[in-house]
Protein backbone atom coordinates (compact mmCIF):
# COMPACT_ATOMS: atom_id res chain seq x y z
CA MET A 1 64.17 14.12 -68.18
CA ALA A 2 63.67 13.39 -71.88
CA GLU A 3 60.07 12.33 -71.21
CA ASN A 4 59.34 15.56 -69.31
CA ARG A 5 60.90 17.64 -72.09
CA GLN A 6 58.79 15.82 -74.66
CA LYS A 7 55.61 16.45 -72.64
CA LEU A 8 56.51 20.13 -72.24
CA ASN A 9 57.09 20.47 -75.99
CA SER A 10 53.73 18.79 -76.58
CA LEU A 11 51.98 21.30 -74.29
CA ILE A 12 53.71 24.25 -75.96
CA HIS A 13 52.62 22.93 -79.33
CA LEU A 14 49.00 22.53 -78.17
CA ALA A 15 48.99 26.05 -76.73
CA SER A 16 50.12 27.44 -80.08
CA ILE A 17 47.14 25.96 -81.95
CA ASP A 18 44.09 28.21 -81.86
CA SER A 19 41.30 25.65 -81.93
CA GLN A 20 38.67 24.36 -79.51
CA GLU A 21 39.91 20.79 -79.81
CA SER A 22 43.51 21.66 -79.01
CA ARG A 23 42.42 23.74 -76.01
CA ARG A 24 40.32 20.86 -74.68
CA THR A 25 43.30 18.52 -75.05
CA LEU A 26 45.60 21.09 -73.42
CA LEU A 27 43.24 21.48 -70.45
CA SER A 28 43.01 17.70 -70.04
CA GLU A 29 46.81 17.32 -70.14
CA ILE A 30 47.38 20.13 -67.64
CA THR A 31 44.69 18.73 -65.32
CA ASP A 32 46.40 15.32 -65.47
CA ILE A 33 49.72 16.89 -64.50
CA PHE A 34 48.14 18.82 -61.64
CA ILE A 35 46.28 15.82 -60.21
CA ASP A 36 49.46 13.69 -60.36
CA ASP A 37 51.59 16.30 -58.56
CA ALA A 38 49.00 18.29 -56.55
CA GLU A 39 50.42 17.37 -53.14
CA ALA A 40 53.92 18.51 -54.13
CA CYS A 41 52.81 21.86 -55.56
CA SER A 42 53.84 25.04 -53.78
CA GLU A 43 51.19 27.67 -53.04
CA HIS A 44 52.29 29.70 -56.06
CA GLN A 45 52.29 26.64 -58.34
CA ASN A 46 48.84 25.68 -57.09
CA TRP A 47 47.55 29.16 -57.91
CA ALA A 48 49.22 29.08 -61.36
CA PHE A 49 47.63 25.72 -62.22
CA GLY A 50 44.24 27.03 -61.11
CA ASP A 51 44.61 30.19 -63.17
CA ILE A 52 45.58 28.27 -66.32
CA MET A 53 42.85 25.63 -65.91
CA GLY A 54 40.26 28.33 -65.22
CA GLN A 55 41.21 30.38 -68.28
CA LEU A 56 41.03 27.33 -70.53
CA ALA A 57 37.83 25.92 -69.04
CA TYR A 58 35.92 29.18 -69.22
CA ASP A 59 37.01 29.72 -72.80
CA LEU A 60 35.36 26.44 -73.81
CA GLU A 61 31.85 25.01 -73.77
CA LYS A 62 29.87 24.09 -70.65
CA GLN A 63 30.59 20.36 -70.99
CA VAL A 64 34.32 20.98 -70.48
CA ARG A 65 33.64 22.73 -67.17
CA GLU A 66 31.39 19.85 -66.11
CA GLU A 67 34.23 17.38 -66.78
CA LEU A 68 36.74 19.56 -64.93
CA ALA A 69 34.41 19.92 -61.94
CA ASN A 70 33.97 16.14 -61.74
CA ARG A 71 37.72 15.56 -61.89
CA LEU A 72 38.53 18.12 -59.18
CA SER A 73 35.53 17.61 -56.91
CA ALA A 74 37.19 15.23 -54.44
CA ASN A 75 40.72 16.68 -54.67
CA GLY A 76 41.69 18.34 -51.40
CA ASN A 77 44.56 20.20 -53.06
CA ALA A 78 42.53 21.71 -55.91
CA PRO A 79 43.06 25.46 -56.43
CA LYS A 80 40.69 27.35 -54.11
CA GLU A 81 39.83 30.18 -56.50
CA LEU A 82 38.95 27.78 -59.31
CA ILE A 83 36.88 25.55 -57.00
CA THR A 84 34.94 28.56 -55.70
CA ARG A 85 34.27 29.69 -59.25
CA LEU A 86 33.02 26.25 -60.26
CA ALA A 87 30.85 26.03 -57.12
CA ASN A 88 29.03 29.19 -58.18
CA ASP A 89 28.59 28.09 -61.80
CA GLU A 90 25.49 26.48 -63.32
CA ILE A 91 24.17 23.64 -61.17
CA SER A 92 25.28 20.88 -63.58
CA ILE A 93 28.84 22.15 -63.11
CA ALA A 94 28.58 23.14 -59.46
CA ARG A 95 26.85 19.99 -58.15
CA PRO A 96 29.87 17.65 -57.72
CA ILE A 97 31.93 20.49 -56.21
CA LEU A 98 29.18 21.41 -53.74
CA GLN A 99 28.58 17.79 -52.80
CA LYS A 100 32.18 16.67 -52.29
CA SER A 101 34.91 19.29 -52.49
CA PRO A 102 36.94 19.41 -49.24
CA VAL A 103 38.42 22.72 -50.41
CA LEU A 104 35.20 24.63 -49.65
CA THR A 105 34.93 25.79 -46.04
CA GLN A 106 31.72 26.11 -44.05
CA SER A 107 31.94 29.89 -44.54
CA ASP A 108 32.25 29.42 -48.31
CA LEU A 109 29.18 27.22 -48.33
CA ILE A 110 27.16 29.61 -46.16
CA GLU A 111 27.92 32.41 -48.60
CA ILE A 112 26.71 30.19 -51.45
CA THR A 113 23.41 29.55 -49.62
CA HIS A 114 22.87 33.33 -49.56
CA ASN A 115 23.56 33.88 -53.24
CA GLN A 116 22.72 30.79 -55.26
CA THR A 117 19.69 28.77 -56.38
CA GLN A 118 17.68 26.19 -54.47
CA ALA A 119 19.34 23.52 -56.64
CA HIS A 120 22.74 24.65 -55.31
CA LEU A 121 21.46 24.48 -51.73
CA SER A 122 20.05 21.01 -52.36
CA ALA A 123 23.46 19.85 -53.63
CA ILE A 124 25.12 21.14 -50.45
CA THR A 125 22.79 18.98 -48.32
CA ALA A 126 24.56 15.85 -49.67
CA ARG A 127 27.90 16.81 -48.07
CA PRO A 128 29.33 14.69 -45.24
CA ASP A 129 30.62 17.69 -43.26
CA ILE A 130 27.59 19.93 -42.67
CA GLY A 131 28.07 21.86 -39.43
CA ALA A 132 25.43 23.45 -37.21
CA ASP A 133 25.81 26.97 -38.64
CA LEU A 134 25.54 25.73 -42.21
CA SER A 135 22.43 23.68 -41.33
CA LYS A 136 20.83 26.78 -39.85
CA GLU A 137 21.45 28.77 -43.05
CA LEU A 138 20.17 25.95 -45.27
CA VAL A 139 16.92 25.89 -43.28
CA SER A 140 16.61 29.69 -43.33
CA HIS A 141 17.20 30.06 -47.08
CA GLY A 142 16.12 26.67 -48.43
CA ASN A 143 12.74 25.49 -49.69
CA ASP A 144 10.99 22.39 -48.36
CA ASN A 145 12.95 20.09 -50.66
CA VAL A 146 16.25 21.43 -49.31
CA VAL A 147 15.11 20.96 -45.70
CA VAL A 148 13.93 17.40 -46.33
CA ASN A 149 17.25 16.50 -47.98
CA LEU A 150 19.11 17.99 -45.03
CA LEU A 151 17.06 15.93 -42.58
CA ARG A 152 17.85 12.77 -44.56
CA ASN A 153 21.60 13.43 -44.28
CA ASP A 154 22.48 11.51 -41.12
CA THR A 155 25.88 13.19 -40.84
CA ALA A 156 24.51 16.76 -40.84
CA GLU A 157 24.73 18.52 -37.48
CA ILE A 158 21.37 20.13 -36.66
CA GLN A 159 21.04 21.99 -33.37
CA VAL A 160 17.85 21.92 -31.29
CA GLU A 161 16.89 25.50 -32.23
CA THR A 162 17.16 24.70 -35.94
CA MET A 163 15.23 21.46 -35.51
CA GLN A 164 12.48 23.40 -33.76
CA GLN A 165 12.32 25.81 -36.72
CA ILE A 166 11.93 22.82 -39.03
CA ALA A 167 9.20 21.34 -36.80
CA ASP A 168 7.33 24.67 -36.78
CA ARG A 169 7.45 24.69 -40.54
CA SER A 170 6.59 21.02 -41.05
CA PRO A 171 2.78 21.06 -40.70
CA ALA A 172 2.59 22.37 -44.27
CA SER A 173 4.54 19.33 -45.53
CA GLU A 174 3.87 15.72 -44.57
CA THR A 175 7.10 14.74 -46.34
CA MET A 176 9.03 17.01 -43.97
CA GLN A 177 7.19 15.57 -40.98
CA ALA A 178 8.12 12.04 -42.10
CA ALA A 179 11.77 13.06 -42.49
CA ILE A 180 11.78 14.44 -38.93
CA VAL A 181 10.29 11.23 -37.55
CA ASP A 182 12.77 9.08 -39.50
CA ARG A 183 15.80 11.06 -38.31
CA ASP A 184 17.81 9.86 -35.31
CA ASN A 185 18.50 12.06 -32.28
CA VAL A 186 15.52 14.39 -32.71
CA PRO A 187 14.68 15.74 -29.21
CA LYS A 188 11.78 13.85 -27.67
CA GLU A 189 9.99 17.09 -26.82
CA ILE A 190 9.85 18.06 -30.50
CA LEU A 191 8.52 14.66 -31.56
CA ILE A 192 5.91 14.63 -28.81
CA ASP A 193 4.75 18.09 -29.87
CA LEU A 194 4.68 16.88 -33.48
CA MET A 195 2.29 14.08 -32.49
CA LYS A 196 -0.48 16.66 -32.24
CA GLN A 197 -0.31 17.37 -35.97
CA VAL A 198 0.95 14.31 -37.87
CA SER A 199 -1.00 11.52 -39.54
CA ASN A 200 -1.90 8.34 -37.67
CA SER A 201 0.87 6.36 -39.37
CA LEU A 202 3.54 8.89 -38.38
CA ARG A 203 2.10 9.07 -34.88
CA ARG A 204 2.51 5.30 -34.55
CA GLN A 205 6.13 5.63 -35.72
CA ILE A 206 6.81 8.18 -33.01
CA LEU A 207 5.25 5.95 -30.36
CA GLU A 208 7.31 2.97 -31.54
CA LYS A 209 10.48 5.02 -31.75
CA TYR A 210 10.16 6.42 -28.26
CA ALA A 211 8.64 3.55 -26.37
CA ASP A 212 10.82 4.56 -23.42
CA VAL A 213 9.12 7.96 -23.05
CA ASP A 214 7.31 8.33 -19.77
CA THR A 215 3.90 6.67 -20.18
CA GLU A 216 2.04 9.39 -18.28
CA GLN A 217 3.57 12.04 -20.54
CA LEU A 218 2.40 10.21 -23.66
CA ASP A 219 -1.04 9.56 -22.17
CA GLU A 220 -1.39 13.27 -21.48
CA VAL A 221 -0.51 14.14 -25.08
CA VAL A 222 -2.80 11.49 -26.58
CA SER A 223 -5.64 12.56 -24.27
CA SER A 224 -5.14 16.17 -25.27
CA MET A 225 -5.26 15.17 -28.93
CA LYS A 226 -8.48 13.20 -28.38
CA ASP A 227 -10.12 16.17 -26.67
CA LYS A 228 -9.28 18.32 -29.65
CA LEU A 229 -10.64 15.77 -32.10
CA ASP A 230 -13.86 15.45 -30.09
CA ASP A 231 -14.33 19.22 -29.89
CA GLY A 232 -16.96 20.07 -32.49
CA SER A 233 -16.82 23.81 -31.88
CA ALA A 234 -13.86 24.40 -34.19
CA SER A 235 -13.20 23.21 -37.71
CA LYS A 236 -10.22 21.06 -38.60
CA ALA A 237 -8.57 24.01 -40.34
CA GLU A 238 -9.09 26.25 -37.31
CA ARG A 239 -7.56 23.69 -34.96
CA TYR A 240 -4.66 23.30 -37.36
CA ILE A 241 -3.97 27.03 -37.66
CA ASP A 242 -4.43 27.66 -33.94
CA GLU A 243 -1.48 25.33 -33.25
CA PHE A 244 0.69 27.74 -35.23
CA VAL A 245 -0.77 30.72 -33.38
CA LYS A 246 0.07 29.16 -30.00
CA ARG A 247 3.70 28.74 -30.99
CA GLY A 248 3.95 32.15 -32.61
CA ALA A 249 4.67 30.38 -35.90
CA LEU A 250 1.86 31.83 -38.03
CA THR A 251 3.80 34.01 -40.48
CA GLU A 252 3.31 35.67 -43.86
CA SER A 253 5.57 33.07 -45.49
CA LEU A 254 3.44 30.23 -44.10
CA LEU A 255 0.31 31.95 -45.41
CA LEU A 256 1.87 32.21 -48.88
CA ARG A 257 2.82 28.54 -48.72
CA PHE A 258 -0.85 27.66 -48.14
CA ALA A 259 -1.73 29.76 -51.20
CA ALA A 260 0.97 28.12 -53.35
CA ASP A 261 -0.13 24.64 -52.24
CA GLU A 262 -3.77 25.54 -52.98
CA ARG A 263 -5.04 24.91 -49.44
CA PRO A 264 -7.93 27.41 -49.33
CA MET A 265 -9.32 26.58 -45.88
CA GLU A 266 -5.93 26.82 -44.18
CA PHE A 267 -5.24 30.03 -46.10
CA LEU A 268 -8.62 31.55 -45.14
CA VAL A 269 -8.29 30.76 -41.43
CA GLY A 270 -4.61 31.74 -41.41
CA PHE A 271 -5.41 35.08 -43.05
CA ALA A 272 -8.18 35.71 -40.50
CA ARG A 273 -5.92 34.93 -37.55
CA LEU A 274 -3.00 36.95 -38.93
CA THR A 275 -5.16 40.03 -39.52
CA GLU A 276 -7.26 39.58 -36.37
CA ILE A 277 -10.66 39.39 -38.06
CA ASP A 278 -13.28 36.64 -37.95
CA THR A 279 -13.37 33.98 -40.64
CA ALA A 280 -16.65 35.15 -42.17
CA THR A 281 -15.29 38.66 -42.58
CA ALA A 282 -12.02 37.32 -44.00
CA LYS A 283 -14.04 35.43 -46.62
CA ARG A 284 -15.79 38.65 -47.66
CA VAL A 285 -12.48 40.56 -47.78
CA LEU A 286 -10.86 37.94 -50.00
CA GLY A 287 -13.95 37.81 -52.19
CA ASP A 288 -13.89 41.56 -52.89
CA LYS A 289 -13.04 41.77 -56.61
CA THR A 290 -11.86 45.39 -56.35
CA GLY A 291 -9.13 44.48 -53.86
CA THR A 292 -9.88 47.58 -51.80
CA ALA A 293 -10.93 45.65 -48.69
CA LEU A 294 -7.84 43.47 -48.95
CA SER A 295 -5.65 46.57 -49.24
CA VAL A 296 -7.09 48.12 -46.09
CA VAL A 297 -6.96 44.96 -43.98
CA CYS A 298 -3.38 44.14 -45.00
CA ARG A 299 -2.17 47.72 -44.55
CA ALA A 300 -3.78 48.00 -41.12
CA ASN A 301 -1.93 44.86 -40.01
CA ALA A 302 1.47 45.82 -41.49
CA ILE A 303 1.47 43.06 -44.11
CA THR A 304 4.48 43.65 -46.38
CA PRO A 305 3.86 44.93 -49.93
CA ASP A 306 5.40 41.78 -51.44
CA THR A 307 3.07 39.54 -49.44
CA PHE A 308 0.08 41.72 -50.35
CA LYS A 309 0.96 41.40 -54.03
CA GLU A 310 1.35 37.61 -53.79
CA ILE A 311 -2.05 37.30 -52.09
CA ALA A 312 -3.69 39.59 -54.65
CA MET A 313 -2.20 37.54 -57.52
CA SER A 314 -3.11 34.18 -55.98
CA ALA A 315 -6.19 32.07 -56.58
CA MET A 316 -7.16 32.59 -52.93
CA CYS A 317 -8.96 35.87 -53.57
CA GLY A 318 -11.45 37.24 -56.08
CA ILE A 319 -9.18 39.81 -57.72
CA PRO A 320 -8.53 39.01 -61.41
CA SER A 321 -4.91 37.82 -61.40
CA ASP A 322 -3.49 39.89 -64.21
CA HIS A 323 -0.80 42.55 -63.89
CA ASP A 324 -2.97 45.27 -65.44
CA ARG A 325 -5.40 44.93 -62.53
CA VAL A 326 -2.98 44.11 -59.71
CA LEU A 327 -0.14 46.59 -60.28
CA PRO A 328 -2.36 49.70 -59.85
CA LEU A 329 -3.68 48.06 -56.68
CA VAL A 330 -0.12 47.62 -55.38
CA ARG A 331 0.59 51.30 -56.07
CA LEU A 332 -2.56 52.21 -54.16
CA TYR A 333 -1.44 49.95 -51.32
CA LEU A 334 1.91 51.73 -51.09
CA ARG A 335 0.17 55.12 -50.90
CA LEU A 336 -2.34 54.03 -48.29
CA LYS A 337 -1.44 55.31 -44.83
CA ALA A 338 -1.45 52.75 -42.04
CA GLU A 339 -3.31 55.04 -39.65
CA ASN A 340 -6.12 55.55 -42.18
CA ALA A 341 -6.39 51.80 -42.73
CA GLN A 342 -6.49 51.20 -38.96
CA ARG A 343 -9.15 53.90 -38.55
CA ALA A 344 -11.25 52.18 -41.22
CA MET A 345 -10.86 48.87 -39.43
CA ARG A 346 -12.04 50.41 -36.13
CA PHE A 347 -15.10 51.88 -37.84
CA TRP A 348 -15.72 48.59 -39.56
CA ARG A 349 -15.65 46.66 -36.27
CA THR A 350 -18.06 49.04 -34.52
CA LYS A 351 -20.63 48.90 -37.32
CA LYS A 352 -21.69 45.50 -38.52
CA GLY A 353 -22.08 45.27 -42.27
CA ALA A 354 -19.87 48.33 -42.85
CA LEU A 355 -17.51 46.53 -45.21
CA ASP A 356 -18.70 48.61 -48.16
CA THR A 357 -17.56 51.80 -46.41
CA ILE A 358 -14.04 50.57 -45.84
CA ALA A 359 -12.90 52.19 -49.08
CA GLU A 360 -13.64 55.70 -47.79
CA PRO A 361 -10.25 56.40 -46.10
CA VAL A 362 -8.39 55.19 -49.18
CA LYS A 363 -9.51 58.24 -51.12
CA ASN A 364 -7.62 60.54 -48.75
CA SER A 365 -4.46 58.43 -48.34
CA ALA A 366 -2.25 59.54 -51.24
């Protein structure tokens, strides 16, 4: 009793001193008390501890919150409101909470994937309790690094539909392909389909991993691959992009990924397939320094304004990539009527070499 009274008096004394050092000490003392007695705390006491610790921590420097997050990260009785607040803080503070805290539910974590940075999502992939719904959201909202980290987490539950989404996305990333091949329990059908796209070393890994797959089935796949490699009528980039087209996986986001990764041939062929024009014409459209041809082609094919802007700003086309040139072009794009752009495309297709006339309908599209 005397010891408790002495500790209480010490806390009261610390609370009365208005200094950063005393507040840090007070927070440390209160955190010690909470951790020692967390299991015995009532719901109201738990909330009160969380409120006090939160007020002190957020009144001090970032390092204090980092220390608090590390101390509470594995505590299953930590105050929910405080843990949620720390999980949404800067990544250096949030990381241990996102990686380990048993207080956060799957719903909490899904909400974080919708609202926080890629670094936060990457931290979540280290958890031992990732369910199927959370995996799906991490793949939908995460970049390639997040997806690869998720694949490397053997405890994460990834449903077949989500794994197929990853496989459809993987041709743009050999690291992602390798992570799929290395992961256990990937459906054989997905791996066999992946064999058509991966490097020779990864293909050998798949064959070694699934030696029990029906020999005729593998022979059929390998034979199909050989036929494609022997076919001189299509370029490597065209064969690569056409695999996406067959699966309905050629999207605007994939096109922008080719641009960001500086893969001009894949971007050129992908742009041609997505806008339903031939590759030679696509090359001329992208080379138009005025951006008018690009505006018409994208508008006629319902390419979103954001994607149009990213293409116009990228190194994949001939438009000078400065805002003074691109922003007026975006405004023009928004004013351009889809039916006028489609009419221009029809005229263009009926008259060879009519690319220069494609700007005509733009003048009347405000």
